[in-house]
Amino acid sequence: MKKIILSVSVILALLFSGCAPVGDDSSAAPSAALESAAPDNTRPTIRIQTTEVVIGVGETYDLLDGVTGSDDVDGDITGRIVIEKGGYDPDIAGKYTVTYNLTDSAGNTAAPKQRTILVRETNVMQKPPIRTGAIDGEKKNPPAPAVYGGAWYHKVVSSKDKWVGIETTVTLPEFEIERYDGAFDTSLPADPSFKNLDNPSVYLGGHAENESDVGLSLSRALIDVEKQTLSTGSIAFRPFWRYITDEEQDVGGYDVHDGEYAVSANGNNCIANYHWRYTEYYYLPGDTLRILVYSPEPDKLQLMIEVVEVSALPSSVAMREAYGWKAPANFISPIFRSPGHGTDTDAEFKRVNAIDQSNNEGKTALPTDTEVRNVIWHETFLYREIDGTLYRVPMDESRRGVTSAPEEAYFTVTFDGVDSALGGEVVSIHPGYTNE
């Protein structure tokens, strides 16, 4: 019994002795984990994938698309980015500069980044009503236009009258180009690796004081979008406008026109092309387009293209996929100088499909096996203001003069599936053989 009492006494003595646990050193310095952390003076970073963006009026666009924010301590802080919109309004055409700012949790601010957003007008002019009745004082039955050398072309012209524009709906043709500057791959309709010397085109135009050609020409195009590599040969229809004026020529490179288009001039003869980086303005065989050339104000013209139906031809579908081109979109050119149009001066309008030939303008058309098959002009209208209302007037047989040059036998013209009373026509050009 005494041994038990002694043992308990020893245990109690130990419990109340105040001995510190083994290893405890009350005099040790505070742990390094409790020391004050080093200050965070590193700025966060804003990254913008694309600094220039083009959208259409009314198009929804996420201003944070392709924009990220990061910090060495906070990690991904894209959600903290603050956007200064700079008056940006997607419903109003114009050029806007948007600024991105970012601050991390320590109060460090990123170097601001900017993005340029061009809001482009893409709403093509609505179709005016059709006028089918007689027009007082109208000049009808224009003569066939004179032949101008240097190309194989089918040209349809109006009378010179109070017209203010022309509109057509056209399905772009398939083609085989057989004339190049050197060797080429004969299995391809157009070889991107070699310069072609025959060049299909589909265009409209007018003549008041001077001649204009406005529409689509087969042109070089991107074969590597990421590297911005252009083809050597022409492979896609792209917008152009050629006009003649000695004032308001709008001459300048892409840099002068915000990277949108360029205008060169040889004397009074001006030609403009839209920049090749915009693959949404590449049009291909089988695309159906509403194209119009109209005078929106005195002494001016403008080209508008509305996509009616995207091509389902396997060759066109494959080309867009292989090269990574965007789906075709509506196009509206700048308003350009064309003296006499939209004034009291009588004006003539035209539609043309051609095989243009390199460095051969004004000369004899060269023999070629190049072929353009089935340009489908579904309908064609002339624009005219009557009693204060703008109308579309069918370019029927009484309102058109026609030339197939240099020889009619090398053209096939039919009205299969179209209405000639509404200006419809189907045209093929085959200089390598005649219809006889």
Protein backbone atom coordinates (compact mmCIF):
# COMPACT_ATOMS: atom_id res chain seq x y z
CA MET A 1 0.00 0.00 0.00
CA LYS A 2 2.83 2.38 0.86
CA LYS A 3 4.45 1.62 -2.56
CA ILE A 4 1.26 2.62 -4.37
CA ILE A 5 0.97 5.94 -2.49
CA LEU A 6 4.61 6.72 -3.26
CA SER A 7 4.17 6.10 -6.97
CA VAL A 8 1.16 8.44 -7.15
CA SER A 9 3.10 11.12 -5.31
CA VAL A 10 5.96 10.92 -7.80
CA ILE A 11 3.55 11.25 -10.77
CA LEU A 12 1.79 14.27 -9.25
CA ALA A 13 5.13 15.89 -8.52
CA LEU A 14 6.13 15.54 -12.12
CA LEU A 15 2.83 16.97 -13.40
CA PHE A 16 3.12 20.10 -11.31
CA SER A 17 6.86 20.59 -11.57
CA GLY A 18 6.56 22.99 -14.55
CA CYS A 19 9.17 21.14 -16.53
CA ALA A 20 9.11 22.14 -20.17
CA PRO A 21 8.61 19.46 -22.83
CA VAL A 22 11.78 18.02 -24.28
CA GLY A 23 13.12 20.20 -27.10
CA ASP A 24 11.27 23.41 -26.16
CA ASP A 25 13.53 26.48 -26.05
CA SER A 26 11.61 29.50 -24.90
CA SER A 27 14.55 31.73 -25.65
CA ALA A 28 14.75 30.83 -29.39
CA ALA A 29 14.30 33.58 -32.08
CA PRO A 30 10.87 33.94 -33.85
CA SER A 31 10.31 31.51 -36.79
CA ALA A 32 11.30 32.79 -40.28
CA ALA A 33 7.70 32.09 -41.38
CA LEU A 34 6.54 34.80 -39.03
CA GLU A 35 8.92 37.38 -40.40
CA SER A 36 7.49 40.09 -42.67
CA ALA A 37 7.22 38.95 -46.35
CA ALA A 38 9.32 40.78 -48.98
CA PRO A 39 7.34 43.61 -50.67
CA ASP A 40 5.66 42.82 -54.06
CA ASN A 41 6.89 45.45 -56.51
CA THR A 42 6.46 43.44 -59.74
CA ARG A 43 3.99 44.87 -62.26
CA PRO A 44 1.31 42.62 -63.71
CA THR A 45 1.18 42.01 -67.48
CA ILE A 46 -1.50 42.54 -70.13
CA ARG A 47 -1.29 40.51 -73.33
CA ILE A 48 -3.40 41.23 -76.42
CA GLN A 49 -3.54 38.63 -79.17
CA THR A 50 -4.81 41.00 -81.87
CA THR A 51 -4.26 44.75 -81.65
CA GLU A 52 -6.31 45.61 -84.76
CA VAL A 53 -9.87 44.34 -85.19
CA VAL A 54 -12.42 44.99 -87.94
CA ILE A 55 -16.13 44.39 -87.32
CA GLY A 56 -19.35 45.29 -89.09
CA VAL A 57 -21.83 47.87 -87.84
CA GLY A 58 -24.08 46.28 -85.23
CA GLU A 59 -21.85 43.22 -84.84
CA THR A 60 -21.43 41.87 -81.30
CA TYR A 61 -17.79 41.88 -80.23
CA ASP A 62 -16.29 40.90 -76.85
CA LEU A 63 -13.70 43.56 -75.99
CA LEU A 64 -11.83 40.97 -73.88
CA ASP A 65 -11.52 38.54 -76.77
CA GLY A 66 -7.86 37.52 -76.97
CA VAL A 67 -6.93 39.68 -73.95
CA THR A 68 -5.38 38.21 -70.77
CA GLY A 69 -3.94 39.61 -67.55
CA SER A 70 -1.41 37.84 -65.29
CA ASP A 71 0.69 38.51 -62.19
CA ASP A 72 3.62 36.66 -60.61
CA VAL A 73 1.80 36.51 -57.25
CA ASP A 74 -1.91 36.70 -58.09
CA GLY A 75 -1.76 34.46 -61.16
CA ASP A 76 -4.50 34.90 -63.79
CA ILE A 77 -6.19 38.24 -63.09
CA THR A 78 -7.86 38.81 -66.45
CA GLY A 79 -11.08 39.52 -64.55
CA ARG A 80 -9.50 42.64 -63.02
CA ILE A 81 -8.80 44.30 -66.38
CA VAL A 82 -10.48 47.70 -66.65
CA ILE A 83 -11.39 48.88 -70.16
CA GLU A 84 -11.46 52.52 -71.26
CA LYS A 85 -13.74 52.36 -74.31
CA GLY A 86 -12.82 55.72 -75.79
CA GLY A 87 -16.33 56.30 -77.16
CA TYR A 88 -16.48 52.88 -78.81
CA ASP A 89 -19.92 52.28 -80.33
CA PRO A 90 -20.40 49.15 -82.48
CA ASP A 91 -23.56 50.66 -83.96
CA ILE A 92 -21.71 53.61 -85.51
CA ALA A 93 -19.09 53.19 -88.23
CA GLY A 94 -15.72 54.61 -87.30
CA LYS A 95 -12.25 53.97 -85.93
CA TYR A 96 -11.95 53.55 -82.15
CA THR A 97 -9.05 53.11 -79.73
CA VAL A 98 -9.76 50.97 -76.65
CA THR A 99 -7.32 51.04 -73.70
CA TYR A 100 -6.79 48.18 -71.22
CA ASN A 101 -5.57 48.78 -67.63
CA LEU A 102 -4.76 46.30 -64.83
CA THR A 103 -3.80 46.53 -61.13
CA ASP A 104 -2.71 43.60 -58.95
CA SER A 105 -3.60 43.02 -55.26
CA ALA A 106 -0.42 44.83 -54.15
CA GLY A 107 -1.40 47.96 -56.08
CA ASN A 108 1.08 47.51 -58.94
CA THR A 109 -0.23 48.67 -62.31
CA ALA A 110 0.46 47.10 -65.70
CA ALA A 111 1.69 49.06 -68.68
CA PRO A 112 -1.57 50.01 -70.47
CA LYS A 113 -2.24 48.28 -73.79
CA GLN A 114 -4.39 49.52 -76.68
CA ARG A 115 -6.47 47.91 -79.41
CA THR A 116 -7.78 49.61 -82.54
CA ILE A 117 -11.30 48.63 -83.55
CA LEU A 118 -12.56 49.62 -86.97
CA VAL A 119 -16.34 49.46 -87.20
CA ARG A 120 -17.09 49.17 -90.90
CA GLU A 121 -20.39 49.81 -92.61
CA THR A 122 -21.56 46.46 -94.02
CA ASN A 123 -25.24 47.14 -94.57
CA VAL A 124 -25.62 47.13 -98.32
CA MET A 125 -28.19 49.50 -99.78
CA GLN A 126 -31.69 48.05 -99.65
CA LYS A 127 -33.29 47.12 -102.95
CA PRO A 128 -35.37 49.95 -104.46
CA PRO A 129 -38.77 49.02 -105.95
CA ILE A 130 -38.88 47.70 -109.52
CA ARG A 131 -40.30 49.91 -112.26
CA THR A 132 -41.64 47.94 -115.23
CA GLY A 133 -43.77 50.55 -116.98
CA ALA A 134 -42.79 53.04 -119.65
CA ILE A 135 -40.55 55.94 -118.61
CA ASP A 136 -41.24 59.35 -120.14
CA GLY A 137 -38.36 60.55 -122.27
CA GLU A 138 -36.26 57.40 -121.85
CA LYS A 139 -33.62 56.70 -124.48
CA LYS A 140 -33.88 53.07 -125.57
CA ASN A 141 -32.10 50.56 -127.80
CA PRO A 142 -28.47 51.60 -127.27
CA PRO A 143 -26.01 50.51 -129.99
CA ALA A 144 -23.53 47.71 -129.42
CA PRO A 145 -20.37 49.10 -127.82
CA ALA A 146 -17.27 49.37 -129.95
CA VAL A 147 -14.62 46.68 -129.63
CA TYR A 148 -11.61 47.59 -127.52
CA GLY A 149 -8.60 45.32 -127.97
CA GLY A 150 -6.52 43.39 -125.49
CA ALA A 151 -9.00 41.01 -123.85
CA TRP A 152 -11.73 38.46 -124.47
CA TYR A 153 -14.91 39.97 -123.03
CA HIS A 154 -18.70 40.07 -123.10
CA LYS A 155 -20.00 43.59 -122.48
CA VAL A 156 -23.57 44.80 -121.99
CA VAL A 157 -24.21 48.57 -121.90
CA SER A 158 -27.19 50.82 -121.27
CA SER A 159 -28.14 53.92 -123.18
CA LYS A 160 -26.59 57.17 -122.02
CA ASP A 161 -29.49 58.55 -120.03
CA LYS A 162 -30.61 59.64 -116.55
CA TRP A 163 -29.27 56.49 -114.90
CA VAL A 164 -27.63 56.78 -111.49
CA GLY A 165 -26.49 53.18 -110.94
CA ILE A 166 -26.59 49.52 -111.87
CA GLU A 167 -27.27 46.36 -109.85
CA THR A 168 -26.82 42.70 -110.71
CA THR A 169 -27.08 39.34 -108.99
CA VAL A 170 -24.38 37.05 -110.31
CA THR A 171 -22.98 33.59 -109.61
CA LEU A 172 -19.22 33.62 -110.12
CA PRO A 173 -17.85 31.27 -112.79
CA GLU A 174 -15.54 28.31 -112.71
CA PHE A 175 -12.48 28.68 -114.91
CA GLU A 176 -9.34 27.02 -116.24
CA ILE A 177 -6.32 29.27 -116.70
CA GLU A 178 -3.94 27.92 -119.35
CA ARG A 179 -1.49 30.78 -119.92
CA TYR A 180 1.27 31.58 -117.42
CA ASP A 181 4.69 33.19 -117.23
CA GLY A 182 6.51 29.86 -117.32
CA ALA A 183 5.60 26.33 -116.24
CA PHE A 184 2.44 25.59 -114.27
CA ASP A 185 0.41 22.72 -112.85
CA THR A 186 -2.08 21.83 -115.58
CA SER A 187 -4.28 19.92 -113.12
CA LEU A 188 -5.21 23.11 -111.25
CA PRO A 189 -7.83 25.65 -112.42
CA ALA A 190 -5.41 28.35 -111.24
CA ASP A 191 -1.87 27.62 -110.09
CA PRO A 192 -0.98 29.71 -107.00
CA SER A 193 2.77 29.18 -107.54
CA PHE A 194 3.14 30.84 -110.95
CA LYS A 195 2.08 34.18 -112.43
CA ASN A 196 -0.93 33.81 -114.73
CA LEU A 197 -1.11 35.90 -117.90
CA ASP A 198 -4.87 35.45 -118.40
CA ASN A 199 -7.09 36.87 -115.69
CA PRO A 200 -10.87 36.34 -115.34
CA SER A 201 -12.92 39.31 -114.12
CA VAL A 202 -16.58 40.07 -113.39
CA TYR A 203 -17.43 43.73 -113.02
CA LEU A 204 -19.77 46.66 -113.53
CA GLY A 205 -19.01 50.26 -114.33
CA GLY A 206 -20.21 53.52 -115.71
CA HIS A 207 -19.44 56.36 -118.08
CA ALA A 208 -20.58 59.93 -117.51
CA GLU A 209 -17.61 62.18 -118.28
CA ASN A 210 -15.11 59.31 -118.04
CA GLU A 211 -15.07 55.51 -117.96
CA SER A 212 -15.01 53.47 -114.74
CA ASP A 213 -14.60 49.72 -114.12
CA VAL A 214 -15.82 48.53 -110.73
CA GLY A 215 -16.16 45.00 -109.41
CA LEU A 216 -14.12 41.80 -109.02
CA SER A 217 -10.87 40.70 -110.59
CA LEU A 218 -9.04 37.42 -110.01
CA SER A 219 -6.12 38.39 -107.76
CA ARG A 220 -3.34 37.09 -105.57
CA ALA A 221 -4.46 35.81 -102.18
CA LEU A 222 -3.05 34.51 -98.90
CA ILE A 223 -1.89 30.91 -98.98
CA ASP A 224 -0.57 31.14 -95.40
CA VAL A 225 -2.71 33.40 -93.22
CA GLU A 226 -0.48 33.11 -90.15
CA LYS A 227 2.68 34.12 -92.04
CA GLN A 228 0.77 36.48 -94.37
CA THR A 229 2.23 34.75 -97.44
CA LEU A 230 0.70 35.72 -100.78
CA SER A 231 0.28 33.45 -103.76
CA THR A 232 2.29 34.20 -106.88
CA GLY A 233 -0.65 33.51 -109.17
CA SER A 234 -4.18 34.90 -108.98
CA ILE A 235 -6.61 32.52 -107.25
CA ALA A 236 -9.50 34.53 -105.71
CA PHE A 237 -11.84 37.25 -106.93
CA ARG A 238 -11.19 40.47 -104.96
CA PRO A 239 -12.79 43.96 -105.15
CA PHE A 240 -11.26 46.72 -107.27
CA TRP A 241 -12.39 50.08 -108.59
CA ARG A 242 -10.82 51.94 -111.49
CA TYR A 243 -11.83 55.54 -112.16
CA ILE A 244 -10.58 58.55 -114.07
CA THR A 245 -10.26 61.97 -112.47
CA ASP A 246 -7.76 64.82 -112.15
CA GLU A 247 -8.93 65.76 -108.62
CA GLU A 248 -9.75 63.91 -105.40
CA GLN A 249 -7.74 60.97 -106.67
CA ASP A 250 -7.33 59.55 -103.15
CA VAL A 251 -3.87 58.29 -104.10
CA GLY A 252 -1.85 56.49 -101.43
CA GLY A 253 -0.70 53.14 -100.12
CA TYR A 254 -2.35 50.91 -97.52
CA ASP A 255 -0.65 52.91 -94.77
CA VAL A 256 -2.36 56.10 -95.95
CA HIS A 257 -5.80 54.46 -95.79
CA ASP A 258 -5.62 52.86 -92.31
CA GLY A 259 -4.44 49.60 -93.86
CA GLU A 260 -7.74 49.17 -95.68
CA TYR A 261 -7.01 49.85 -99.34
CA ALA A 262 -4.49 51.43 -101.69
CA VAL A 263 -4.90 53.72 -104.70
CA SER A 264 -2.32 54.23 -107.43
CA ALA A 265 -2.60 56.61 -110.37
CA ASN A 266 -1.07 56.81 -113.82
CA GLY A 267 -1.92 60.35 -114.75
CA ASN A 268 -5.69 60.65 -114.29
CA ASN A 269 -6.25 56.89 -114.34
CA CYS A 270 -6.71 55.66 -110.76
CA ILE A 271 -7.03 52.07 -109.58
CA ALA A 272 -7.81 50.88 -106.08
CA ASN A 273 -7.61 47.47 -104.43
CA TYR A 274 -8.70 46.36 -100.99
CA HIS A 275 -5.97 44.88 -98.79
CA TRP A 276 -5.29 41.17 -99.29
CA ARG A 277 -5.26 40.51 -95.52
CA TYR A 278 -9.07 40.69 -95.45
CA THR A 279 -9.91 37.15 -96.51
CA GLU A 280 -13.62 37.76 -95.95
CA TYR A 281 -13.45 39.71 -99.22
CA TYR A 282 -12.17 36.74 -101.20
CA TYR A 283 -14.96 35.52 -103.49
CA LEU A 284 -14.83 32.18 -105.29
CA PRO A 285 -16.57 30.24 -108.08
CA GLY A 286 -20.11 29.38 -107.08
CA ASP A 287 -20.55 32.35 -104.72
CA THR A 288 -23.75 34.24 -105.58
CA LEU A 289 -23.46 37.98 -105.01
CA ARG A 290 -25.60 41.05 -105.37
CA ILE A 291 -23.27 43.71 -106.76
CA LEU A 292 -24.21 47.33 -107.29
CA VAL A 293 -22.47 50.50 -108.38
CA TYR A 294 -24.39 53.61 -107.40
CA SER A 295 -23.91 57.37 -107.22
CA PRO A 296 -24.61 58.32 -103.57
CA GLU A 297 -23.75 61.98 -104.20
CA PRO A 298 -22.87 64.21 -107.18
CA ASP A 299 -19.70 63.26 -109.07
CA LYS A 300 -19.17 60.11 -106.98
CA LEU A 301 -19.66 56.35 -107.24
CA GLN A 302 -19.52 53.51 -104.73
CA LEU A 303 -19.24 49.72 -105.00
CA MET A 304 -21.36 47.47 -102.77
CA ILE A 305 -21.33 43.66 -102.62
CA GLU A 306 -23.90 41.58 -100.74
CA VAL A 307 -23.34 37.86 -100.23
CA VAL A 308 -26.52 36.07 -101.32
CA GLU A 309 -25.27 32.47 -101.14
CA VAL A 310 -21.88 30.97 -100.30
CA SER A 311 -20.48 28.51 -102.83
CA ALA A 312 -21.06 24.80 -102.26
CA LEU A 313 -18.69 23.77 -105.07
CA PRO A 314 -16.26 21.21 -103.62
CA SER A 315 -13.25 23.06 -105.07
CA SER A 316 -14.26 26.37 -103.45
CA VAL A 317 -15.15 24.77 -100.11
CA ALA A 318 -11.80 22.94 -100.08
CA MET A 319 -9.85 26.09 -100.94
CA ARG A 320 -11.38 28.12 -98.11
CA GLU A 321 -10.68 25.33 -95.64
CA ALA A 322 -7.13 24.63 -96.86
CA TYR A 323 -6.03 28.26 -96.70
CA GLY A 324 -8.00 29.20 -93.58
CA TRP A 325 -9.93 32.00 -95.25
CA LYS A 326 -12.93 33.52 -93.54
CA ALA A 327 -16.45 33.04 -94.87
CA PRO A 328 -17.26 35.68 -97.51
CA ALA A 329 -18.82 38.87 -96.16
CA ASN A 330 -20.58 41.96 -97.50
CA PHE A 331 -18.26 44.62 -98.90
CA ILE A 332 -18.66 48.39 -99.24
CA SER A 333 -15.97 50.47 -100.92
CA PRO A 334 -15.08 54.05 -100.09
CA ILE A 335 -16.97 56.63 -102.11
CA PHE A 336 -14.71 57.59 -105.01
CA ARG A 337 -14.60 60.42 -107.52
CA SER A 338 -16.38 59.88 -110.86
CA PRO A 339 -17.16 63.21 -112.56
CA GLY A 340 -20.65 63.59 -113.98
CA HIS A 341 -22.32 60.71 -112.17
CA GLY A 342 -25.26 61.70 -110.00
CA THR A 343 -25.62 65.07 -111.74
CA ASP A 344 -27.68 66.31 -114.69
CA THR A 345 -25.11 64.69 -117.00
CA ASP A 346 -26.45 61.62 -118.81
CA ALA A 347 -24.62 58.45 -117.80
CA GLU A 348 -24.12 54.99 -119.23
CA PHE A 349 -23.72 51.84 -117.11
CA LYS A 350 -22.38 48.41 -118.03
CA ARG A 351 -21.76 44.86 -116.88
CA VAL A 352 -18.81 42.85 -118.15
CA ASN A 353 -17.22 39.45 -117.76
CA ALA A 354 -13.81 39.03 -119.31
CA ILE A 355 -10.52 37.24 -119.69
CA ASP A 356 -8.12 40.15 -119.28
CA GLN A 357 -4.59 39.65 -120.61
CA SER A 358 -1.44 40.87 -118.91
CA ASN A 359 0.30 43.84 -120.57
CA ASN A 360 -2.00 43.62 -123.58
CA GLU A 361 -4.50 46.46 -123.09
CA GLY A 362 -5.48 48.11 -126.34
CA LYS A 363 -3.77 45.44 -128.44
CA THR A 364 -5.10 42.41 -130.29
CA ALA A 365 -6.45 39.71 -127.96
CA LEU A 366 -3.98 36.84 -127.76
CA PRO A 367 -4.95 33.25 -128.56
CA THR A 368 -5.44 31.15 -125.42
CA ASP A 369 -7.00 27.94 -124.17
CA THR A 370 -8.09 29.63 -120.95
CA GLU A 371 -11.81 29.15 -120.37
CA VAL A 372 -14.43 30.83 -118.17
CA ARG A 373 -17.58 28.75 -117.74
CA ASN A 374 -21.07 29.96 -116.93
CA VAL A 375 -21.11 33.42 -115.45
CA ILE A 376 -24.76 33.45 -114.36
CA TRP A 377 -26.19 36.95 -114.47
CA HIS A 378 -29.46 36.14 -112.70
CA GLU A 379 -30.86 39.64 -113.18
CA THR A 380 -29.63 43.15 -113.92
CA PHE A 381 -31.29 46.49 -113.11
CA LEU A 382 -30.51 50.11 -113.90
CA TYR A 383 -31.15 52.71 -111.19
CA ARG A 384 -33.22 55.78 -111.98
CA GLU A 385 -34.96 58.46 -109.95
CA ILE A 386 -38.51 59.08 -111.13
CA ASP A 387 -40.72 61.70 -109.45
CA GLY A 388 -38.46 61.73 -106.40
CA THR A 389 -38.37 57.93 -105.95
CA LEU A 390 -35.40 55.72 -106.75
CA TYR A 391 -36.35 52.69 -108.85
CA ARG A 392 -34.71 49.58 -110.29
CA VAL A 393 -35.45 49.34 -114.00
CA PRO A 394 -34.94 45.90 -115.64
CA MET A 395 -32.09 45.92 -118.17
CA ASP A 396 -34.17 44.08 -120.74
CA GLU A 397 -33.38 43.69 -124.43
CA SER A 398 -34.63 47.20 -125.23
CA ARG A 399 -32.21 48.70 -122.70
CA ARG A 400 -28.97 46.98 -123.62
CA GLY A 401 -26.37 46.94 -126.34
CA VAL A 402 -24.14 43.86 -126.44
CA THR A 403 -20.67 43.03 -127.74
CA SER A 404 -18.74 39.77 -127.47
CA ALA A 405 -15.17 40.66 -128.43
CA PRO A 406 -13.07 40.12 -130.35
CA GLU A 407 -15.23 37.44 -132.04
CA GLU A 408 -18.73 36.33 -131.06
CA ALA A 409 -18.06 32.71 -132.13
CA TYR A 410 -15.83 32.18 -129.06
CA PHE A 411 -18.66 32.91 -126.63
CA THR A 412 -21.69 30.90 -125.57
CA VAL A 413 -24.61 33.02 -124.40
CA THR A 414 -27.85 31.44 -123.19
CA PHE A 415 -30.81 32.28 -120.98
CA ASP A 416 -31.03 28.90 -119.26
CA GLY A 417 -32.64 29.34 -115.85
CA VAL A 418 -32.73 33.14 -116.03
CA ASP A 419 -35.18 35.74 -117.33
CA SER A 420 -33.88 37.96 -120.11
CA ALA A 421 -36.71 40.42 -119.39
CA LEU A 422 -35.03 41.04 -116.01
CA GLY A 423 -31.56 41.37 -117.51
CA GLY A 424 -30.62 37.72 -117.01
CA GLU A 425 -27.98 35.96 -119.11
CA VAL A 426 -25.52 33.04 -118.87
CA VAL A 427 -22.12 33.63 -120.50
CA SER A 428 -19.12 31.38 -121.16
CA ILE A 429 -15.85 32.45 -122.79
CA HIS A 430 -13.78 29.83 -124.62
CA PRO A 431 -11.13 31.37 -126.89
CA GLY A 432 -9.72 27.92 -127.65
CA TYR A 433 -12.71 26.82 -129.72
CA THR A 434 -15.76 28.22 -131.52
CA ASN A 435 -19.43 27.27 -131.38
CA GLU A 436 -19.36 26.17 -135.02
